[in-house]
Amino acid sequence: MSDRTDIDIKKLKAWMQARRRELVKRSAADQDSLKPVEVDQTTTGRLSRMDALQSQAMDIEIERRRQRELQRIDAALQRINEGTYGDCVACGEEIAAKRLENDPTTPVCINCAQDLPANG
């Protein structure tokens, strides 16, 4: 475990584990909304079909973001287990405590984050 004293790693780890459980639970509950839309075209109007397709597209995007957050949490938990949590994965410098408190899963310091693409 990291020897940093300016952050409460146990507290952040507990938060990440709880958030992970919540995301997994939501993902499991929302699986039906990700199935292909089946609309009876003889009884359903064009706008209702479009609404159903748009709703499904939004559900798919929500799930994609949920999975991305799970990946970030898993990576942060792995860094905790390896004893490298709080160190920038790009340059090795310490990530500011305030940055970690704001986003416990962040893998990079503010300087390296500025060098990443917008969706990086």
PDB file of N, CA and C in Angstrom:
ATOM      1  N   MET A   1       0.855  -1.176   0.000  1.00  0.00           N
ATOM      2  CA  MET A   1       0.000   0.000   0.000  1.00  0.00           C
ATOM      3  C   MET A   1       0.895   1.231   0.000  1.00  0.00           C
ATOM      4  N   SER A   2       0.427   2.260  -0.670  1.00  0.00           N
ATOM      5  CA  SER A   2       1.182   3.515  -0.754  1.00  0.00           C
ATOM      6  C   SER A   2       1.406   4.101   0.640  1.00  0.00           C
ATOM      7  N   ASP A   3       2.514   4.810   0.798  1.00  0.00           N
ATOM      8  CA  ASP A   3       2.826   5.397   2.102  1.00  0.00           C
ATOM      9  C   ASP A   3       2.381   6.858   2.209  1.00  0.00           C
ATOM     10  N   ARG A   4       1.500   7.288   1.342  1.00  0.00           N
ATOM     11  CA  ARG A   4       1.020   8.672   1.378  1.00  0.00           C
ATOM     12  C   ARG A   4       0.175   8.916   2.623  1.00  0.00           C
ATOM     13  N   THR A   5       0.404  10.046   3.245  1.00  0.00           N
ATOM     14  CA  THR A   5      -0.359  10.389   4.443  1.00  0.00           C
ATOM     15  C   THR A   5      -1.353  11.519   4.177  1.00  0.00           C
ATOM     16  N   ASP A   6      -1.290  12.112   2.986  1.00  0.00           N
ATOM     17  CA  ASP A   6      -2.190  13.222   2.670  1.00  0.00           C
ATOM     18  C   ASP A   6      -3.526  12.776   2.100  1.00  0.00           C
ATOM     19  N   ILE A   7      -3.689  11.465   1.883  1.00  0.00           N
ATOM     20  CA  ILE A   7      -4.958  10.922   1.403  1.00  0.00           C
ATOM     21  C   ILE A   7      -5.331   9.708   2.244  1.00  0.00           C
ATOM     22  N   ASP A   8      -6.617   9.489   2.388  1.00  0.00           N
ATOM     23  CA  ASP A   8      -7.118   8.341   3.137  1.00  0.00           C
ATOM     24  C   ASP A   8      -7.429   7.230   2.134  1.00  0.00           C
ATOM     25  N   ILE A   9      -6.424   6.421   1.847  1.00  0.00           N
ATOM     26  CA  ILE A   9      -6.560   5.381   0.825  1.00  0.00           C
ATOM     27  C   ILE A   9      -7.640   4.374   1.212  1.00  0.00           C
ATOM     28  N   LYS A  10      -7.729   4.028   2.483  1.00  0.00           N
ATOM     29  CA  LYS A  10      -8.761   3.067   2.904  1.00  0.00           C
ATOM     30  C   LYS A  10     -10.159   3.604   2.617  1.00  0.00           C
ATOM     31  N   LYS A  11     -10.363   4.885   2.897  1.00  0.00           N
ATOM     32  CA  LYS A  11     -11.665   5.504   2.646  1.00  0.00           C
ATOM     33  C   LYS A  11     -11.963   5.531   1.150  1.00  0.00           C
ATOM     34  N   LEU A  12     -10.978   5.916   0.348  1.00  0.00           N
ATOM     35  CA  LEU A  12     -11.172   5.967  -1.100  1.00  0.00           C
ATOM     36  C   LEU A  12     -11.413   4.571  -1.671  1.00  0.00           C
ATOM     37  N   LYS A  13     -10.705   3.584  -1.143  1.00  0.00           N
ATOM     38  CA  LYS A  13     -10.887   2.205  -1.596  1.00  0.00           C
ATOM     39  C   LYS A  13     -12.303   1.726  -1.261  1.00  0.00           C
ATOM     40  N   ALA A  14     -12.768   2.016  -0.067  1.00  0.00           N
ATOM     41  CA  ALA A  14     -14.118   1.617   0.336  1.00  0.00           C
ATOM     42  C   ALA A  14     -15.163   2.277  -0.559  1.00  0.00           C
ATOM     43  N   TRP A  15     -14.954   3.560  -0.886  1.00  0.00           N
ATOM     44  CA  TRP A  15     -15.887   4.260  -1.762  1.00  0.00           C
ATOM     45  C   TRP A  15     -15.911   3.598  -3.141  1.00  0.00           C
ATOM     46  N   MET A  16     -14.711   3.295  -3.679  1.00  0.00           N
ATOM     47  CA  MET A  16     -14.635   2.672  -5.008  1.00  0.00           C
ATOM     48  C   MET A  16     -15.295   1.299  -5.011  1.00  0.00           C
ATOM     49  N   GLN A  17     -15.095   0.521  -3.974  1.00  0.00           N
ATOM     50  CA  GLN A  17     -15.710  -0.798  -3.902  1.00  0.00           C
ATOM     51  C   GLN A  17     -17.235  -0.686  -3.841  1.00  0.00           C
ATOM     52  N   ALA A  18     -17.744   0.271  -3.069  1.00  0.00           N
ATOM     53  CA  ALA A  18     -19.192   0.477  -2.981  1.00  0.00           C
ATOM     54  C   ALA A  18     -19.752   0.947  -4.325  1.00  0.00           C
ATOM     55  N   ARG A  19     -19.051   1.876  -4.953  1.00  0.00           N
ATOM     56  CA  ARG A  19     -19.493   2.377  -6.263  1.00  0.00           C
ATOM     57  C   ARG A  19     -19.473   1.263  -7.295  1.00  0.00           C
ATOM     58  N   ARG A  20     -18.472   0.404  -7.236  1.00  0.00           N
ATOM     59  CA  ARG A  20     -18.378  -0.721  -8.167  1.00  0.00           C
ATOM     60  C   ARG A  20     -19.582  -1.645  -8.003  1.00  0.00           C
ATOM     61  N   ARG A  21     -19.918  -1.966  -6.748  1.00  0.00           N
ATOM     62  CA  ARG A  21     -21.082  -2.831  -6.497  1.00  0.00           C
ATOM     63  C   ARG A  21     -22.360  -2.203  -7.057  1.00  0.00           C
ATOM     64  N   GLU A  22     -22.502  -0.901  -6.856  1.00  0.00           N
ATOM     65  CA  GLU A  22     -23.678  -0.185  -7.351  1.00  0.00           C
ATOM     66  C   GLU A  22     -23.759  -0.246  -8.877  1.00  0.00           C
ATOM     67  N   LEU A  23     -22.636  -0.019  -9.551  1.00  0.00           N
ATOM     68  CA  LEU A  23     -22.619  -0.046 -11.013  1.00  0.00           C
ATOM     69  C   LEU A  23     -22.935  -1.432 -11.553  1.00  0.00           C
ATOM     70  N   VAL A  24     -22.373  -2.460 -10.938  1.00  0.00           N
ATOM     71  CA  VAL A  24     -22.633  -3.833 -11.377  1.00  0.00           C
ATOM     72  C   VAL A  24     -24.115  -4.167 -11.198  1.00  0.00           C
ATOM     73  N   LYS A  25     -24.669  -3.755 -10.077  1.00  0.00           N
ATOM     74  CA  LYS A  25     -26.087  -4.005  -9.802  1.00  0.00           C
ATOM     75  C   LYS A  25     -26.974  -3.307 -10.839  1.00  0.00           C
ATOM     76  N   ARG A  26     -26.677  -2.049 -11.126  1.00  0.00           N
ATOM     77  CA  ARG A  26     -27.459  -1.309 -12.124  1.00  0.00           C
ATOM     78  C   ARG A  26     -27.325  -1.922 -13.505  1.00  0.00           C
ATOM     79  N   SER A  27     -26.117  -2.333 -13.844  1.00  0.00           N
ATOM     80  CA  SER A  27     -25.883  -2.932 -15.145  1.00  0.00           C
ATOM     81  C   SER A  27     -26.709  -4.205 -15.310  1.00  0.00           C
ATOM     82  N   ALA A  28     -26.727  -5.024 -14.281  1.00  0.00           N
ATOM     83  CA  ALA A  28     -27.507  -6.262 -14.334  1.00  0.00           C
ATOM     84  C   ALA A  28     -28.999  -5.965 -14.460  1.00  0.00           C
ATOM     85  N   ALA A  29     -29.464  -4.955 -13.742  1.00  0.00           N
ATOM     86  CA  ALA A  29     -30.880  -4.608 -13.766  1.00  0.00           C
ATOM     87  C   ALA A  29     -31.312  -4.022 -15.109  1.00  0.00           C
ATOM     88  N   ASP A  30     -30.389  -3.401 -15.825  1.00  0.00           N
ATOM     89  CA  ASP A  30     -30.729  -2.721 -17.077  1.00  0.00           C
ATOM     90  C   ASP A  30     -30.491  -3.557 -18.330  1.00  0.00           C
ATOM     91  N   GLN A  31     -30.164  -4.815 -18.192  1.00  0.00           N
ATOM     92  CA  GLN A  31     -29.835  -5.631 -19.361  1.00  0.00           C
ATOM     93  C   GLN A  31     -30.987  -5.747 -20.359  1.00  0.00           C
ATOM     94  N   ASP A  32     -32.208  -5.786 -19.890  1.00  0.00           N
ATOM     95  CA  ASP A  32     -33.342  -5.896 -20.805  1.00  0.00           C
ATOM     96  C   ASP A  32     -33.456  -4.692 -21.732  1.00  0.00           C
ATOM     97  N   SER A  33     -33.082  -3.518 -21.248  1.00  0.00           N
ATOM     98  CA  SER A  33     -33.199  -2.313 -22.077  1.00  0.00           C
ATOM     99  C   SER A  33     -32.162  -2.272 -23.200  1.00  0.00           C
ATOM    100  N   LEU A  34     -31.192  -3.179 -23.155  1.00  0.00           N
ATOM    101  CA  LEU A  34     -30.142  -3.198 -24.178  1.00  0.00           C
ATOM    102  C   LEU A  34     -30.454  -4.166 -25.317  1.00  0.00           C
ATOM    103  N   LYS A  35     -31.500  -4.954 -25.148  1.00  0.00           N
ATOM    104  CA  LYS A  35     -31.889  -5.915 -26.187  1.00  0.00           C
ATOM    105  C   LYS A  35     -32.438  -5.162 -27.390  1.00  0.00           C
ATOM    106  N   PRO A  36     -32.348  -5.779 -28.573  1.00  0.00           N
ATOM    107  CA  PRO A  36     -32.884  -5.120 -29.773  1.00  0.00           C
ATOM    108  C   PRO A  36     -34.350  -4.729 -29.592  1.00  0.00           C
ATOM    109  N   VAL A  37     -34.689  -3.574 -30.133  1.00  0.00           N
ATOM    110  CA  VAL A  37     -36.067  -3.084 -30.042  1.00  0.00           C
ATOM    111  C   VAL A  37     -36.940  -3.881 -31.002  1.00  0.00           C
ATOM    112  N   GLU A  38     -38.012  -4.429 -30.454  1.00  0.00           N
ATOM    113  CA  GLU A  38     -38.978  -5.156 -31.280  1.00  0.00           C
ATOM    114  C   GLU A  38     -40.312  -4.440 -31.144  1.00  0.00           C
ATOM    115  N   VAL A  39     -40.727  -3.797 -32.230  1.00  0.00           N
ATOM    116  CA  VAL A  39     -41.969  -3.044 -32.221  1.00  0.00           C
ATOM    117  C   VAL A  39     -42.850  -3.567 -33.338  1.00  0.00           C
ATOM    118  N   ASP A  40     -44.087  -3.858 -32.998  1.00  0.00           N
ATOM    119  CA  ASP A  40     -45.054  -4.323 -33.993  1.00  0.00           C
ATOM    120  C   ASP A  40     -45.432  -3.144 -34.879  1.00  0.00           C
ATOM    121  N   GLN A  41     -44.941  -3.154 -36.097  1.00  0.00           N
ATOM    122  CA  GLN A  41     -45.145  -2.016 -36.997  1.00  0.00           C
ATOM    123  C   GLN A  41     -46.591  -1.888 -37.463  1.00  0.00           C
ATOM    124  N   THR A  42     -47.371  -2.937 -37.297  1.00  0.00           N
ATOM    125  CA  THR A  42     -48.770  -2.842 -37.716  1.00  0.00           C
ATOM    126  C   THR A  42     -49.622  -2.116 -36.684  1.00  0.00           C
ATOM    127  N   THR A  43     -49.172  -2.083 -35.435  1.00  0.00           N
ATOM    128  CA  THR A  43     -49.961  -1.431 -34.385  1.00  0.00           C
ATOM    129  C   THR A  43     -49.262  -0.227 -33.772  1.00  0.00           C
ATOM    130  N   THR A  44     -48.010  -0.004 -34.112  1.00  0.00           N
ATOM    131  CA  THR A  44     -47.248   1.090 -33.525  1.00  0.00           C
ATOM    132  C   THR A  44     -46.874   2.091 -34.600  1.00  0.00           C
ATOM    133  N   GLY A  45     -47.058   3.352 -34.307  1.00  0.00           N
ATOM    134  CA  GLY A  45     -46.739   4.395 -35.269  1.00  0.00           C
ATOM    135  C   GLY A  45     -45.251   4.618 -35.416  1.00  0.00           C
ATOM    136  N   ARG A  46     -44.901   5.366 -36.471  1.00  0.00           N
ATOM    137  CA  ARG A  46     -43.501   5.641 -36.779  1.00  0.00           C
ATOM    138  C   ARG A  46     -42.815   6.388 -35.637  1.00  0.00           C
ATOM    139  N   LEU A  47     -43.496   7.349 -35.024  1.00  0.00           N
ATOM    140  CA  LEU A  47     -42.886   8.110 -33.939  1.00  0.00           C
ATOM    141  C   LEU A  47     -42.640   7.237 -32.715  1.00  0.00           C
ATOM    142  N   SER A  48     -43.520   6.308 -32.432  1.00  0.00           N
ATOM    143  CA  SER A  48     -43.316   5.400 -31.300  1.00  0.00           C
ATOM    144  C   SER A  48     -42.108   4.508 -31.539  1.00  0.00           C
ATOM    145  N   ARG A  49     -41.936   4.059 -32.775  1.00  0.00           N
ATOM    146  CA  ARG A  49     -40.754   3.237 -33.112  1.00  0.00           C
ATOM    147  C   ARG A  49     -39.491   4.066 -32.954  1.00  0.00           C
ATOM    148  N   MET A  50     -39.534   5.313 -33.409  1.00  0.00           N
ATOM    149  CA  MET A  50     -38.360   6.180 -33.296  1.00  0.00           C
ATOM    150  C   MET A  50     -38.049   6.448 -31.830  1.00  0.00           C
ATOM    151  N   ASP A  51     -39.073   6.665 -31.016  1.00  0.00           N
ATOM    152  CA  ASP A  51     -38.871   6.865 -29.578  1.00  0.00           C
ATOM    153  C   ASP A  51     -38.221   5.646 -28.944  1.00  0.00           C
ATOM    154  N   ALA A  52     -38.693   4.457 -29.331  1.00  0.00           N
ATOM    155  CA  ALA A  52     -38.137   3.222 -28.774  1.00  0.00           C
ATOM    156  C   ALA A  52     -36.672   3.065 -29.166  1.00  0.00           C
ATOM    157  N   LEU A  53     -36.348   3.372 -30.407  1.00  0.00           N
ATOM    158  CA  LEU A  53     -34.954   3.269 -30.868  1.00  0.00           C
ATOM    159  C   LEU A  53     -34.069   4.310 -30.184  1.00  0.00           C
ATOM    160  N   GLN A  54     -34.586   5.511 -30.014  1.00  0.00           N
ATOM    161  CA  GLN A  54     -33.808   6.563 -29.346  1.00  0.00           C
ATOM    162  C   GLN A  54     -33.582   6.202 -27.880  1.00  0.00           C
ATOM    163  N   SER A  55     -34.589   5.679 -27.239  1.00  0.00           N
ATOM    164  CA  SER A  55     -34.460   5.260 -25.847  1.00  0.00           C
ATOM    165  C   SER A  55     -33.419   4.158 -25.719  1.00  0.00           C
ATOM    166  N   GLN A  56     -33.437   3.214 -26.643  1.00  0.00           N
ATOM    167  CA  GLN A  56     -32.450   2.136 -26.606  1.00  0.00           C
ATOM    168  C   GLN A  56     -31.042   2.689 -26.824  1.00  0.00           C
ATOM    169  N   ALA A  57     -30.881   3.630 -27.737  1.00  0.00           N
ATOM    170  CA  ALA A  57     -29.564   4.222 -27.984  1.00  0.00           C
ATOM    171  C   ALA A  57     -29.043   4.917 -26.728  1.00  0.00           C
ATOM    172  N   MET A  58     -29.926   5.601 -26.015  1.00  0.00           N
ATOM    173  CA  MET A  58     -29.508   6.254 -24.771  1.00  0.00           C
ATOM    174  C   MET A  58     -29.126   5.210 -23.718  1.00  0.00           C
ATOM    175  N   ASP A  59     -29.878   4.128 -23.628  1.00  0.00           N
ATOM    176  CA  ASP A  59     -29.565   3.065 -22.670  1.00  0.00           C
ATOM    177  C   ASP A  59     -28.215   2.421 -22.982  1.00  0.00           C
ATOM    178  N   ILE A  60     -27.929   2.245 -24.259  1.00  0.00           N
ATOM    179  CA  ILE A  60     -26.643   1.663 -24.669  1.00  0.00           C
ATOM    180  C   ILE A  60     -25.499   2.593 -24.277  1.00  0.00           C
ATOM    181  N   GLU A  61     -25.680   3.897 -24.474  1.00  0.00           N
ATOM    182  CA  GLU A  61     -24.638   4.856 -24.107  1.00  0.00           C
ATOM    183  C   GLU A  61     -24.443   4.895 -22.595  1.00  0.00           C
ATOM    184  N   ILE A  62     -25.522   4.834 -21.841  1.00  0.00           N
ATOM    185  CA  ILE A  62     -25.415   4.798 -20.379  1.00  0.00           C
ATOM    186  C   ILE A  62     -24.617   3.574 -19.956  1.00  0.00           C
ATOM    187  N   GLU A  63     -24.886   2.432 -20.562  1.00  0.00           N
ATOM    188  CA  GLU A  63     -24.160   1.209 -20.216  1.00  0.00           C
ATOM    189  C   GLU A  63     -22.687   1.313 -20.611  1.00  0.00           C
ATOM    190  N   ARG A  64     -22.405   1.931 -21.761  1.00  0.00           N
ATOM    191  CA  ARG A  64     -21.012   2.105 -22.187  1.00  0.00           C
ATOM    192  C   ARG A  64     -20.256   2.943 -21.162  1.00  0.00           C
ATOM    193  N   ARG A  65     -20.870   4.010 -20.687  1.00  0.00           N
ATOM    194  CA  ARG A  65     -20.231   4.872 -19.685  1.00  0.00           C
ATOM    195  C   ARG A  65     -20.072   4.146 -18.360  1.00  0.00           C
ATOM    196  N   ARG A  66     -21.052   3.354 -18.014  1.00  0.00           N
ATOM    197  CA  ARG A  66     -20.990   2.568 -16.774  1.00  0.00           C
ATOM    198  C   ARG A  66     -19.811   1.597 -16.837  1.00  0.00           C
ATOM    199  N   GLN A  67     -19.645   0.934 -17.982  1.00  0.00           N
ATOM    200  CA  GLN A  67     -18.542  -0.016 -18.139  1.00  0.00           C
ATOM    201  C   GLN A  67     -17.193   0.695 -18.104  1.00  0.00           C
ATOM    202  N   ARG A  68     -17.134   1.889 -18.662  1.00  0.00           N
ATOM    203  CA  ARG A  68     -15.894   2.679 -18.629  1.00  0.00           C
ATOM    204  C   ARG A  68     -15.550   3.055 -17.189  1.00  0.00           C
ATOM    205  N   GLU A  69     -16.562   3.437 -16.413  1.00  0.00           N
ATOM    206  CA  GLU A  69     -16.317   3.772 -15.011  1.00  0.00           C
ATOM    207  C   GLU A  69     -15.854   2.539 -14.238  1.00  0.00           C
ATOM    208  N   LEU A  70     -16.440   1.395 -14.542  1.00  0.00           N
ATOM    209  CA  LEU A  70     -15.995   0.152 -13.885  1.00  0.00           C
ATOM    210  C   LEU A  70     -14.532  -0.144 -14.208  1.00  0.00           C
ATOM    211  N   GLN A  71     -14.136   0.074 -15.441  1.00  0.00           N
ATOM    212  CA  GLN A  71     -12.737  -0.139 -15.826  1.00  0.00           C
ATOM    213  C   GLN A  71     -11.816   0.789 -15.040  1.00  0.00           C
ATOM    214  N   ARG A  72     -12.214   2.047 -14.890  1.00  0.00           N
ATOM    215  CA  ARG A  72     -11.396   3.011 -14.139  1.00  0.00           C
ATOM    216  C   ARG A  72     -11.298   2.618 -12.669  1.00  0.00           C
ATOM    217  N   ILE A  73     -12.415   2.162 -12.104  1.00  0.00           N
ATOM    218  CA  ILE A  73     -12.407   1.725 -10.701  1.00  0.00           C
ATOM    219  C   ILE A  73     -11.510   0.512 -10.536  1.00  0.00           C
ATOM    220  N   ASP A  74     -11.651  -0.472 -11.425  1.00  0.00           N
ATOM    221  CA  ASP A  74     -10.824  -1.676 -11.333  1.00  0.00           C
ATOM    222  C   ASP A  74      -9.339  -1.343 -11.449  1.00  0.00           C
ATOM    223  N   ALA A  75      -9.010  -0.419 -12.349  1.00  0.00           N
ATOM    224  CA  ALA A  75      -7.607  -0.025 -12.510  1.00  0.00           C
ATOM    225  C   ALA A  75      -7.091   0.671 -11.255  1.00  0.00           C
ATOM    226  N   ALA A  76      -7.914   1.529 -10.655  1.00  0.00           N
ATOM    227  CA  ALA A  76      -7.505   2.227  -9.431  1.00  0.00           C
ATOM    228  C   ALA A  76      -7.334   1.241  -8.276  1.00  0.00           C
ATOM    229  N   LEU A  77      -8.248   0.289  -8.164  1.00  0.00           N
ATOM    230  CA  LEU A  77      -8.122  -0.728  -7.112  1.00  0.00           C
ATOM    231  C   LEU A  77      -6.867  -1.567  -7.310  1.00  0.00           C
ATOM    232  N   GLN A  78      -6.534  -1.842  -8.560  1.00  0.00           N
ATOM    233  CA  GLN A  78      -5.303  -2.591  -8.842  1.00  0.00           C
ATOM    234  C   GLN A  78      -4.079  -1.778  -8.426  1.00  0.00           C
ATOM    235  N   ARG A  79      -4.099  -0.472  -8.688  1.00  0.00           N
ATOM    236  CA  ARG A  79      -2.977   0.381  -8.278  1.00  0.00           C
ATOM    237  C   ARG A  79      -2.859   0.413  -6.753  1.00  0.00           C
ATOM    238  N   ILE A  80      -3.993   0.390  -6.063  1.00  0.00           N
ATOM    239  CA  ILE A  80      -3.947   0.332  -4.598  1.00  0.00           C
ATOM    240  C   ILE A  80      -3.269  -0.957  -4.164  1.00  0.00           C
ATOM    241  N   ASN A  81      -3.681  -2.079  -4.742  1.00  0.00           N
ATOM    242  CA  ASN A  81      -3.104  -3.375  -4.381  1.00  0.00           C
ATOM    243  C   ASN A  81      -1.618  -3.459  -4.703  1.00  0.00           C
ATOM    244  N   GLU A  82      -1.193  -2.763  -5.750  1.00  0.00           N
ATOM    245  CA  GLU A  82       0.214  -2.780  -6.150  1.00  0.00           C
ATOM    246  C   GLU A  82       1.050  -1.764  -5.375  1.00  0.00           C
ATOM    247  N   GLY A  83       0.370  -0.875  -4.646  1.00  0.00           N
ATOM    248  CA  GLY A  83       1.089   0.144  -3.888  1.00  0.00           C
ATOM    249  C   GLY A  83       1.488   1.362  -4.697  1.00  0.00           C
ATOM    250  N   THR A  84       0.883   1.538  -5.860  1.00  0.00           N
ATOM    251  CA  THR A  84       1.218   2.681  -6.706  1.00  0.00           C
ATOM    252  C   THR A  84       0.094   3.701  -6.802  1.00  0.00           C
ATOM    253  N   TYR A  85      -0.964   3.494  -6.030  1.00  0.00           N
ATOM    254  CA  TYR A  85      -2.100   4.415  -6.079  1.00  0.00           C
ATOM    255  C   TYR A  85      -1.652   5.812  -5.658  1.00  0.00           C
ATOM    256  N   GLY A  86      -2.100   6.794  -6.414  1.00  0.00           N
ATOM    257  CA  GLY A  86      -1.752   8.178  -6.113  1.00  0.00           C
ATOM    258  C   GLY A  86      -0.548   8.667  -6.890  1.00  0.00           C
ATOM    259  N   ASP A  87       0.103   7.756  -7.593  1.00  0.00           N
ATOM    260  CA  ASP A  87       1.218   8.139  -8.460  1.00  0.00           C
ATOM    261  C   ASP A  87       0.709   8.197  -9.896  1.00  0.00           C
ATOM    262  N   CYS A  88       1.088   9.231 -10.619  1.00  0.00           N
ATOM    263  CA  CYS A  88       0.678   9.390 -12.013  1.00  0.00           C
ATOM    264  C   CYS A  88       1.230   8.230 -12.840  1.00  0.00           C
ATOM    265  N   VAL A  89       0.365   7.583 -13.620  1.00  0.00           N
ATOM    266  CA  VAL A  89       0.813   6.460 -14.444  1.00  0.00           C
ATOM    267  C   VAL A  89       1.633   6.936 -15.640  1.00  0.00           C
ATOM    268  N   ALA A  90       1.552   8.227 -15.954  1.00  0.00           N
ATOM    269  CA  ALA A  90       2.296   8.754 -17.092  1.00  0.00           C
ATOM    270  C   ALA A  90       3.693   9.233 -16.711  1.00  0.00           C
ATOM    271  N   CYS A  91       3.786  10.018 -15.622  1.00  0.00           N
ATOM    272  CA  CYS A  91       5.089  10.608 -15.285  1.00  0.00           C
ATOM    273  C   CYS A  91       5.652  10.106 -13.948  1.00  0.00           C
ATOM    274  N   GLY A  92       4.829   9.440 -13.147  1.00  0.00           N
ATOM    275  CA  GLY A  92       5.303   8.907 -11.872  1.00  0.00           C
ATOM    276  C   GLY A  92       5.225   9.870 -10.703  1.00  0.00           C
ATOM    277  N   GLU A  93       4.903  11.133 -10.949  1.00  0.00           N
ATOM    278  CA  GLU A  93       4.771  12.119  -9.869  1.00  0.00           C
ATOM    279  C   GLU A  93       3.503  11.855  -9.069  1.00  0.00           C
ATOM    280  N   GLU A  94       3.479  12.358  -7.842  1.00  0.00           N
ATOM    281  CA  GLU A  94       2.280  12.213  -7.013  1.00  0.00           C
ATOM    282  C   GLU A  94       1.127  13.018  -7.601  1.00  0.00           C
ATOM    283  N   ILE A  95      -0.054  12.423  -7.595  1.00  0.00           N
ATOM    284  CA  ILE A  95      -1.268  13.129  -7.999  1.00  0.00           C
ATOM    285  C   ILE A  95      -1.741  13.920  -6.779  1.00  0.00           C
ATOM    286  N   ALA A  96      -2.116  15.159  -6.976  1.00  0.00           N
ATOM    287  CA  ALA A  96      -2.559  16.023  -5.879  1.00  0.00           C
ATOM    288  C   ALA A  96      -3.715  15.372  -5.122  1.00  0.00           C
ATOM    289  N   ALA A  97      -3.680  15.492  -3.808  1.00  0.00           N
ATOM    290  CA  ALA A  97      -4.714  14.902  -2.955  1.00  0.00           C
ATOM    291  C   ALA A  97      -6.105  15.411  -3.339  1.00  0.00           C
ATOM    292  N   LYS A  98      -6.235  16.695  -3.608  1.00  0.00           N
ATOM    293  CA  LYS A  98      -7.536  17.262  -3.988  1.00  0.00           C
ATOM    294  C   LYS A  98      -8.055  16.632  -5.271  1.00  0.00           C
ATOM    295  N   ARG A  99      -7.152  16.354  -6.196  1.00  0.00           N
ATOM    296  CA  ARG A  99      -7.556  15.707  -7.465  1.00  0.00           C
ATOM    297  C   ARG A  99      -8.070  14.299  -7.193  1.00  0.00           C
ATOM    298  N   LEU A 100      -7.397  13.577  -6.324  1.00  0.00           N
ATOM    299  CA  LEU A 100      -7.840  12.219  -5.986  1.00  0.00           C
ATOM    300  C   LEU A 100      -9.156  12.231  -5.212  1.00  0.00           C
ATOM    301  N   GLU A 101      -9.336  13.229  -4.364  1.00  0.00           N
ATOM    302  CA  GLU A 101     -10.596  13.343  -3.627  1.00  0.00           C
ATOM    303  C   GLU A 101     -11.742  13.647  -4.587  1.00  0.00           C
ATOM    304  N   ASN A 102     -11.468  14.436  -5.604  1.00  0.00           N
ATOM    305  CA  ASN A 102     -12.474  14.784  -6.605  1.00  0.00           C
ATOM    306  C   ASN A 102     -12.809  13.589  -7.497  1.00  0.00           C
ATOM    307  N   ASP A 103     -11.794  12.850  -7.905  1.00  0.00           N
ATOM    308  CA  ASP A 103     -11.983  11.660  -8.738  1.00  0.00           C
ATOM    309  C   ASP A 103     -10.982  10.600  -8.287  1.00  0.00           C
ATOM    310  N   PRO A 104     -11.401   9.720  -7.378  1.00  0.00           N
ATOM    311  CA  PRO A 104     -10.487   8.703  -6.846  1.00  0.00           C
ATOM    312  C   PRO A 104      -9.927   7.746  -7.895  1.00  0.00           C
ATOM    313  N   THR A 105     -10.536   7.702  -9.074  1.00  0.00           N
ATOM    314  CA  THR A 105     -10.066   6.769 -10.100  1.00  0.00           C
ATOM    315  C   THR A 105      -9.087   7.396 -11.080  1.00  0.00           C
ATOM    316  N   THR A 106      -8.811   8.683 -10.925  1.00  0.00           N
ATOM    317  CA  THR A 106      -7.937   9.335 -11.899  1.00  0.00           C
ATOM    318  C   THR A 106      -6.545   8.702 -11.896  1.00  0.00           C
ATOM    319  N   PRO A 107      -6.035   8.379 -13.080  1.00  0.00           N
ATOM    320  CA  PRO A 107      -4.722   7.733 -13.144  1.00  0.00           C
ATOM    321  C   PRO A 107      -3.558   8.699 -13.362  1.00  0.00           C
ATOM    322  N   VAL A 108      -3.879   9.971 -13.658  1.00  0.00           N
ATOM    323  CA  VAL A 108      -2.812  10.909 -14.026  1.00  0.00           C
ATOM    324  C   VAL A 108      -2.902  12.214 -13.253  1.00  0.00           C
ATOM    325  N   CYS A 109      -1.763  12.869 -13.110  1.00  0.00           N
ATOM    326  CA  CYS A 109      -1.700  14.181 -12.466  1.00  0.00           C
ATOM    327  C   CYS A 109      -2.303  15.224 -13.412  1.00  0.00           C
ATOM    328  N   ILE A 110      -2.512  16.407 -12.900  1.00  0.00           N
ATOM    329  CA  ILE A 110      -3.140  17.465 -13.687  1.00  0.00           C
ATOM    330  C   ILE A 110      -2.290  17.853 -14.899  1.00  0.00           C
ATOM    331  N   ASN A 111      -0.981  17.857 -14.746  1.00  0.00           N
ATOM    332  CA  ASN A 111      -0.120  18.215 -15.888  1.00  0.00           C
ATOM    333  C   ASN A 111      -0.234  17.216 -17.022  1.00  0.00           C
ATOM    334  N   CYS A 112      -0.222  15.929 -16.686  1.00  0.00           N
ATOM    335  CA  CYS A 112      -0.346  14.901 -17.720  1.00  0.00           C
ATOM    336  C   CYS A 112      -1.756  14.861 -18.296  1.00  0.00           C
ATOM    337  N   ALA A 113      -2.764  15.163 -17.482  1.00  0.00           N
ATOM    338  CA  ALA A 113      -4.147  15.169 -17.945  1.00  0.00           C
ATOM    339  C   ALA A 113      -4.338  16.228 -19.025  1.00  0.00           C
ATOM    340  N   GLN A 114      -3.637  17.336 -18.887  1.00  0.00           N
ATOM    341  CA  GLN A 114      -3.755  18.399 -19.876  1.00  0.00           C
ATOM    342  C   GLN A 114      -3.172  17.992 -21.227  1.00  0.00           C
ATOM    343  N   ASP A 115      -2.281  17.014 -21.217  1.00  0.00           N
ATOM    344  CA  ASP A 115      -1.663  16.541 -22.450  1.00  0.00           C
ATOM    345  C   ASP A 115      -2.470  15.453 -23.146  1.00  0.00           C
ATOM    346  N   LEU A 116      -3.512  14.906 -22.450  1.00  0.00           N
ATOM    347  CA  LEU A 116      -4.328  13.849 -23.025  1.00  0.00           C
ATOM    348  C   LEU A 116      -5.413  14.405 -23.931  1.00  0.00           C
ATOM    349  N   PRO A 117      -5.876  13.582 -24.905  1.00  0.00           N
ATOM    350  CA  PRO A 117      -7.015  13.999 -25.715  1.00  0.00           C
ATOM    351  C   PRO A 117      -8.242  14.190 -24.822  1.00  0.00           C
ATOM    352  N   ALA A 118      -9.228  14.920 -25.279  1.00  0.00           N
ATOM    353  CA  ALA A 118     -10.412  15.261 -24.485  1.00  0.00           C
ATOM    354  C   ALA A 118     -11.111  14.035 -23.908  1.00  0.00           C
ATOM    355  N   ASN A 119     -11.175  12.935 -24.601  1.00  0.00           N
ATOM    356  CA  ASN A 119     -11.862  11.729 -24.116  1.00  0.00           C
ATOM    357  C   ASN A 119     -10.887  10.722 -23.537  1.00  0.00           C
ATOM    358  N   GLY A 120      -9.663  11.112 -23.273  1.00  0.00           N
ATOM    359  CA  GLY A 120      -8.650  10.190 -22.783  1.00  0.00           C
ATOM    360  C   GLY A 120      -8.836   9.943 -21.372  1.00  0.00           C
TER     361      GLY A 120
END
